[in-house]
C-alpha atoms as a PDB file:
ATOM      1  CA  MET A   1      34.895  31.989   2.879  1.00  0.00           C
ATOM      2  CA  LYS A   2      37.530  29.297   2.328  1.00  0.00           C
ATOM      3  CA  LYS A   3      41.279  29.775   2.368  1.00  0.00           C
ATOM      4  CA  PRO A   4      44.184  27.476   1.569  1.00  0.00           C
ATOM      5  CA  ASN A   5      44.985  24.858   4.192  1.00  0.00           C
ATOM      6  CA  TYR A   6      48.734  25.149   4.453  1.00  0.00           C
ATOM      7  CA  ALA A   7      49.153  22.526   7.147  1.00  0.00           C
ATOM      8  CA  GLU A   8      47.515  19.923   4.811  1.00  0.00           C
ATOM      9  CA  MET A   9      49.579  21.103   1.858  1.00  0.00           C
ATOM     10  CA  LYS A  10      52.753  20.616   3.901  1.00  0.00           C
ATOM     11  CA  ASP A  11      51.653  17.175   4.985  1.00  0.00           C
ATOM     12  CA  MET A  12      50.853  16.224   1.291  1.00  0.00           C
ATOM     13  CA  MET A  13      54.272  17.508   0.193  1.00  0.00           C
ATOM     14  CA  ALA A  14      56.052  15.487   2.868  1.00  0.00           C
ATOM     15  CA  ARG A  15      54.146  12.307   2.111  1.00  0.00           C
ATOM     16  CA  ARG A  16      54.766  12.580  -1.599  1.00  0.00           C
ATOM     17  CA  GLU A  17      58.482  13.144  -1.027  1.00  0.00           C
ATOM     18  CA  ALA A  18      58.728  10.284   1.446  1.00  0.00           C
ATOM     19  CA  GLU A  19      57.061   7.864  -1.031  1.00  0.00           C
ATOM     20  CA  SER A  20      59.595   8.746  -3.736  1.00  0.00           C
ATOM     21  CA  MET A  21      62.761   8.920  -1.569  1.00  0.00           C
ATOM     22  CA  SER A  22      65.614   6.648  -2.275  1.00  0.00           C
ATOM     23  CA  GLN A  23      67.580   4.771   0.347  1.00  0.00           C
ATOM     24  CA  LYS A  24      70.588   7.101  -0.339  1.00  0.00           C
ATOM     25  CA  GLU A  25      68.442  10.189   0.191  1.00  0.00           C
ATOM     26  CA  LEU A  26      67.032   8.754   3.430  1.00  0.00           C
ATOM     27  CA  HIS A  27      70.554   8.043   4.618  1.00  0.00           C
ATOM     28  CA  GLU A  28      71.730  11.593   3.832  1.00  0.00           C
ATOM     29  CA  ILE A  29      68.741  13.054   5.755  1.00  0.00           C
ATOM     30  CA  LEU A  30      69.468  10.950   8.741  1.00  0.00           C
ATOM     31  CA  LEU A  31      73.174  11.813   8.630  1.00  0.00           C
ATOM     32  CA  PHE A  32      73.060  15.500   7.826  1.00  0.00           C
ATOM     33  CA  GLY A  33      69.461  16.514   8.612  1.00  0.00           C
ATOM     34  CA  THR A  34      67.099  18.616   6.569  1.00  0.00           C
ATOM     35  CA  MET A  35      64.693  21.586   6.955  1.00  0.00           C
ATOM     36  CA  GLY A  36      61.147  20.145   7.080  1.00  0.00           C
ATOM     37  CA  TRP A  37      58.208  21.437   5.061  1.00  0.00           C
ATOM     38  CA  ASP A  38      56.745  22.822   8.225  1.00  0.00           C
ATOM     39  CA  SER A  39      59.536  25.459   8.329  1.00  0.00           C
ATOM     40  CA  TRP A  40      58.769  26.800   4.900  1.00  0.00           C
ATOM     41  CA  ASP A  41      56.795  30.115   4.434  1.00  0.00           C
ATOM     42  CA  ASP A  42      53.221  29.677   3.361  1.00  0.00           C
ATOM     43  CA  GLU A  43      53.863  31.599   0.092  1.00  0.00           C
ATOM     44  CA  ASP A  44      56.680  29.264  -0.914  1.00  0.00           C
ATOM     45  CA  ILE A  45      54.583  26.214   0.017  1.00  0.00           C
ATOM     46  CA  LEU A  46      51.764  27.408  -2.122  1.00  0.00           C
ATOM     47  CA  GLU A  47      53.995  28.017  -5.191  1.00  0.00           C
ATOM     48  CA  ILE A  48      55.692  24.548  -4.883  1.00  0.00           C
ATOM     49  CA  PHE A  49      52.439  22.776  -4.113  1.00  0.00           C
ATOM     50  CA  ILE A  50      50.817  24.167  -7.339  1.00  0.00           C
ATOM     51  CA  ASN A  51      53.904  23.113  -9.369  1.00  0.00           C
ATOM     52  CA  VAL A  52      53.676  19.567  -7.941  1.00  0.00           C
ATOM     53  CA  PHE A  53      50.019  18.861  -7.584  1.00  0.00           C
ATOM     54  CA  GLY A  54      48.311  21.589  -9.590  1.00  0.00           C
ATOM     55  CA  GLU A  55      46.053  24.493  -8.491  1.00  0.00           C
ATOM     56  CA  HIS A  56      42.948  22.290  -8.466  1.00  0.00           C
ATOM     57  CA  GLN A  57      44.344  20.151  -5.634  1.00  0.00           C
ATOM     58  CA  ILE A  58      44.815  22.971  -3.141  1.00  0.00           C
ATOM     59  CA  PRO A  59      43.108  21.816   0.041  1.00  0.00           C
ATOM     60  CA  LYS A  60      40.821  24.500   1.539  1.00  0.00           C
ATOM     61  CA  LYS A  61      39.406  25.195   4.983  1.00  0.00           C
ATOM     62  CA  GLU A  62      36.843  27.523   6.338  1.00  0.00           C
ATOM     63  CA  ALA A  63      38.270  30.884   7.357  1.00  0.00           C
ATOM     64  CA  LYS A  64      37.630  31.820  10.983  1.00  0.00           C
ATOM     65  CA  TRP A  65      36.049  35.188  11.648  1.00  0.00           C
ATOM     66  CA  ILE A  66      37.092  36.995  14.835  1.00  0.00           C
END
């Protein structure tokens, strides 16, 4: 069984945002800080990821059985 890979989704979101960031935005982040994608809840990440990349791009990983 496969489940969403939230770590990979967070990485993809960060990379996309970094690639489109302006010099002004970078300056403001360095000056004031920001909450990183890693701090967001998985449910919120999934919703935002689907809006940005589409449901067909959700990375999956094998679910571990304990």
